[in-house]
Amino acid sequence: MLDEYPETLIGVEWHSPSFTPGNSDFDISAYSTRANLYGVGGIPHTQWGGEYETVGGYPNGNWEAMIGTFEDLYNALVGDETPYEISINGYAGSDVTYDVTVSMDSDMSNSNMKLNVLL
């Protein structure tokens, strides 16, 4: 799907150390923190715009069987607009320094809002 929708679909992935081959760099030390943020209740898990999720897969890695479900979720979200603009500028060396700016160009309430930044 990333090849089919390169301008509007962004994928982020992270893997549980329990299910990641030892020669892979996909597992991250903060796996549990991110899994708790999204309420991961099973693996594999997909999260769509923080609103929709899927849990589980098909036997023998048959991912093609999930494409219809993923396209339906994508189509439900692709036209959504957001009044927010987020920019991140930074530097990664021996230390990581970054600035995050969140702007809202609409007259909406910003009470009880929070932003999680995962690098």
C-alpha atoms as a PDB file:
ATOM      1  CA  MET A   1       0.000   0.000   0.000  1.00  0.00           C
ATOM      2  CA  LEU A   2       2.932   2.358   0.586  1.00  0.00           C
ATOM      3  CA  ASP A   3       3.818   2.031  -3.105  1.00  0.00           C
ATOM      4  CA  GLU A   4       0.219   2.630  -4.148  1.00  0.00           C
ATOM      5  CA  TYR A   5      -0.387   5.708  -1.945  1.00  0.00           C
ATOM      6  CA  PRO A   6       3.057   7.340  -1.493  1.00  0.00           C
ATOM      7  CA  GLU A   7       1.717  10.877  -1.019  1.00  0.00           C
ATOM      8  CA  THR A   8      -0.893  10.121   1.640  1.00  0.00           C
ATOM      9  CA  LEU A   9       0.088   6.954   3.527  1.00  0.00           C
ATOM     10  CA  ILE A  10       2.896   6.884   6.054  1.00  0.00           C
ATOM     11  CA  GLY A  11       3.868   3.679   7.787  1.00  0.00           C
ATOM     12  CA  VAL A  12       5.668   3.436  11.105  1.00  0.00           C
ATOM     13  CA  GLU A  13       6.576   0.080  12.469  1.00  0.00           C
ATOM     14  CA  TRP A  14       8.143  -1.297  15.560  1.00  0.00           C
ATOM     15  CA  HIS A  15       8.521  -4.870  16.643  1.00  0.00           C
ATOM     16  CA  SER A  16       8.293  -6.673  19.924  1.00  0.00           C
ATOM     17  CA  PRO A  17      11.686  -8.046  20.957  1.00  0.00           C
ATOM     18  CA  SER A  18       9.864 -11.358  21.578  1.00  0.00           C
ATOM     19  CA  PHE A  19       8.887 -11.688  17.914  1.00  0.00           C
ATOM     20  CA  THR A  20      11.858 -10.075  16.151  1.00  0.00           C
ATOM     21  CA  PRO A  21      14.701 -12.107  14.640  1.00  0.00           C
ATOM     22  CA  GLY A  22      18.016 -11.517  16.368  1.00  0.00           C
ATOM     23  CA  ASN A  23      19.676 -10.201  13.190  1.00  0.00           C
ATOM     24  CA  SER A  24      17.021  -7.467  12.735  1.00  0.00           C
ATOM     25  CA  ASP A  25      17.104  -3.879  13.958  1.00  0.00           C
ATOM     26  CA  PHE A  26      13.297  -3.550  14.106  1.00  0.00           C
ATOM     27  CA  ASP A  27      12.910  -4.068  17.841  1.00  0.00           C
ATOM     28  CA  ILE A  28      13.154  -0.974  20.028  1.00  0.00           C
ATOM     29  CA  SER A  29      13.844  -0.679  23.728  1.00  0.00           C
ATOM     30  CA  ALA A  30      10.688   1.426  24.272  1.00  0.00           C
ATOM     31  CA  TYR A  31       8.409  -1.200  22.709  1.00  0.00           C
ATOM     32  CA  SER A  32       6.197  -1.509  25.796  1.00  0.00           C
ATOM     33  CA  THR A  33       5.770   2.266  26.111  1.00  0.00           C
ATOM     34  CA  ARG A  34       4.452   2.575  22.565  1.00  0.00           C
ATOM     35  CA  ALA A  35       2.390  -0.612  22.835  1.00  0.00           C
ATOM     36  CA  ASN A  36       0.712   0.779  25.967  1.00  0.00           C
ATOM     37  CA  LEU A  37       0.054   4.121  24.251  1.00  0.00           C
ATOM     38  CA  TYR A  38      -1.899   2.386  21.477  1.00  0.00           C
ATOM     39  CA  GLY A  39      -3.425  -0.370  23.626  1.00  0.00           C
ATOM     40  CA  VAL A  40      -1.799  -3.205  21.699  1.00  0.00           C
ATOM     41  CA  GLY A  41      -3.732  -6.305  22.653  1.00  0.00           C
ATOM     42  CA  GLY A  42      -2.190  -8.780  20.230  1.00  0.00           C
ATOM     43  CA  ILE A  43       0.399  -9.167  17.515  1.00  0.00           C
ATOM     44  CA  PRO A  44       0.289  -8.314  14.691  1.00  0.00           C
ATOM     45  CA  HIS A  45      -1.460  -5.021  15.422  1.00  0.00           C
ATOM     46  CA  THR A  46      -2.139  -2.070  13.116  1.00  0.00           C
ATOM     47  CA  GLN A  47      -3.259   1.363  14.254  1.00  0.00           C
ATOM     48  CA  TRP A  48      -4.903   3.816  11.866  1.00  0.00           C
ATOM     49  CA  GLY A  49      -4.939   7.486  12.816  1.00  0.00           C
ATOM     50  CA  GLY A  50      -5.320   6.565  16.465  1.00  0.00           C
ATOM     51  CA  GLU A  51      -8.941   5.716  15.695  1.00  0.00           C
ATOM     52  CA  TYR A  52      -9.063   2.242  14.136  1.00  0.00           C
ATOM     53  CA  GLU A  53      -7.046  -0.879  14.757  1.00  0.00           C
ATOM     54  CA  THR A  54      -6.697  -4.446  13.624  1.00  0.00           C
ATOM     55  CA  VAL A  55      -5.329  -7.293  15.687  1.00  0.00           C
ATOM     56  CA  GLY A  56      -4.191 -10.615  14.314  1.00  0.00           C
ATOM     57  CA  GLY A  57      -3.184 -11.875  10.936  1.00  0.00           C
ATOM     58  CA  TYR A  58      -3.662 -14.765   8.617  1.00  0.00           C
ATOM     59  CA  PRO A  59      -1.866 -18.121   8.709  1.00  0.00           C
ATOM     60  CA  ASN A  60       1.463 -18.550   6.939  1.00  0.00           C
ATOM     61  CA  GLY A  61       2.027 -14.811   6.456  1.00  0.00           C
ATOM     62  CA  ASN A  62      -0.850 -14.491   3.981  1.00  0.00           C
ATOM     63  CA  TRP A  63      -0.950 -10.686   4.211  1.00  0.00           C
ATOM     64  CA  GLU A  64      -2.845 -10.379   0.909  1.00  0.00           C
ATOM     65  CA  ALA A  65      -6.011 -11.442   2.740  1.00  0.00           C
ATOM     66  CA  MET A  66      -5.781  -8.264   4.874  1.00  0.00           C
ATOM     67  CA  ILE A  67      -5.420  -5.761   1.997  1.00  0.00           C
ATOM     68  CA  GLY A  68      -9.175  -5.208   1.626  1.00  0.00           C
ATOM     69  CA  THR A  69      -9.488  -4.399   5.335  1.00  0.00           C
ATOM     70  CA  PHE A  70      -6.501  -2.041   5.186  1.00  0.00           C
ATOM     71  CA  GLU A  71      -7.791  -0.272   2.073  1.00  0.00           C
ATOM     72  CA  ASP A  72     -11.191   0.238   3.707  1.00  0.00           C
ATOM     73  CA  LEU A  73      -9.519   1.796   6.759  1.00  0.00           C
ATOM     74  CA  TYR A  74      -7.272   3.944   4.579  1.00  0.00           C
ATOM     75  CA  ASN A  75     -10.236   5.192   2.534  1.00  0.00           C
ATOM     76  CA  ALA A  76     -12.152   6.036   5.720  1.00  0.00           C
ATOM     77  CA  LEU A  77      -9.309   8.302   6.875  1.00  0.00           C
ATOM     78  CA  VAL A  78      -7.558   9.684   3.783  1.00  0.00           C
ATOM     79  CA  GLY A  79      -9.951  12.604   3.296  1.00  0.00           C
ATOM     80  CA  ASP A  80      -9.845  13.763   6.920  1.00  0.00           C
ATOM     81  CA  GLU A  81      -8.449  17.230   7.474  1.00  0.00           C
ATOM     82  CA  THR A  82      -6.672  18.405  10.578  1.00  0.00           C
ATOM     83  CA  PRO A  83      -6.414  21.966  11.869  1.00  0.00           C
ATOM     84  CA  TYR A  84      -2.935  21.190  13.226  1.00  0.00           C
ATOM     85  CA  GLU A  85       0.464  21.585  11.672  1.00  0.00           C
ATOM     86  CA  ILE A  86       3.415  19.918  13.342  1.00  0.00           C
ATOM     87  CA  SER A  87       7.028  20.651  12.511  1.00  0.00           C
ATOM     88  CA  ILE A  88      10.041  18.946  14.016  1.00  0.00           C
ATOM     89  CA  ASN A  89      13.552  20.278  13.595  1.00  0.00           C
ATOM     90  CA  GLY A  90      16.559  18.754  15.213  1.00  0.00           C
ATOM     91  CA  TYR A  91      19.929  17.150  15.196  1.00  0.00           C
ATOM     92  CA  ALA A  92      20.975  13.600  16.018  1.00  0.00           C
ATOM     93  CA  GLY A  93      24.579  13.047  16.991  1.00  0.00           C
ATOM     94  CA  SER A  94      25.937  11.772  20.286  1.00  0.00           C
ATOM     95  CA  ASP A  95      22.969  13.681  21.757  1.00  0.00           C
ATOM     96  CA  VAL A  96      19.563  14.270  20.215  1.00  0.00           C
ATOM     97  CA  THR A  97      18.233  17.810  20.218  1.00  0.00           C
ATOM     98  CA  TYR A  98      14.926  18.772  18.674  1.00  0.00           C
ATOM     99  CA  ASP A  99      12.209  21.415  18.714  1.00  0.00           C
ATOM    100  CA  VAL A 100       8.571  20.553  18.104  1.00  0.00           C
ATOM    101  CA  THR A 101       6.176  23.303  17.035  1.00  0.00           C
ATOM    102  CA  VAL A 102       2.440  22.652  16.955  1.00  0.00           C
ATOM    103  CA  SER A 103       0.249  25.279  15.283  1.00  0.00           C
ATOM    104  CA  MET A 104      -3.518  25.316  14.999  1.00  0.00           C
ATOM    105  CA  ASP A 105      -5.074  27.300  12.153  1.00  0.00           C
ATOM    106  CA  SER A 106      -8.686  26.880  13.211  1.00  0.00           C
ATOM    107  CA  ASP A 107     -10.855  28.179  16.025  1.00  0.00           C
ATOM    108  CA  MET A 108     -11.011  24.988  18.070  1.00  0.00           C
ATOM    109  CA  SER A 109     -10.659  24.303  21.754  1.00  0.00           C
ATOM    110  CA  ASN A 110      -7.209  23.148  22.756  1.00  0.00           C
ATOM    111  CA  SER A 111      -8.151  22.110  26.288  1.00  0.00           C
ATOM    112  CA  ASN A 112      -7.248  18.589  27.389  1.00  0.00           C
ATOM    113  CA  MET A 113      -4.911  18.129  24.418  1.00  0.00           C
ATOM    114  CA  LYS A 114      -1.608  16.327  24.676  1.00  0.00           C
ATOM    115  CA  LEU A 115       1.146  15.479  22.242  1.00  0.00           C
ATOM    116  CA  ASN A 116       3.330  12.392  22.384  1.00  0.00           C
ATOM    117  CA  VAL A 117       6.582  12.611  20.445  1.00  0.00           C
ATOM    118  CA  LEU A 118       8.313   9.291  19.736  1.00  0.00           C
ATOM    119  CA  LEU A 119      11.736   9.344  18.138  1.00  0.00           C
END
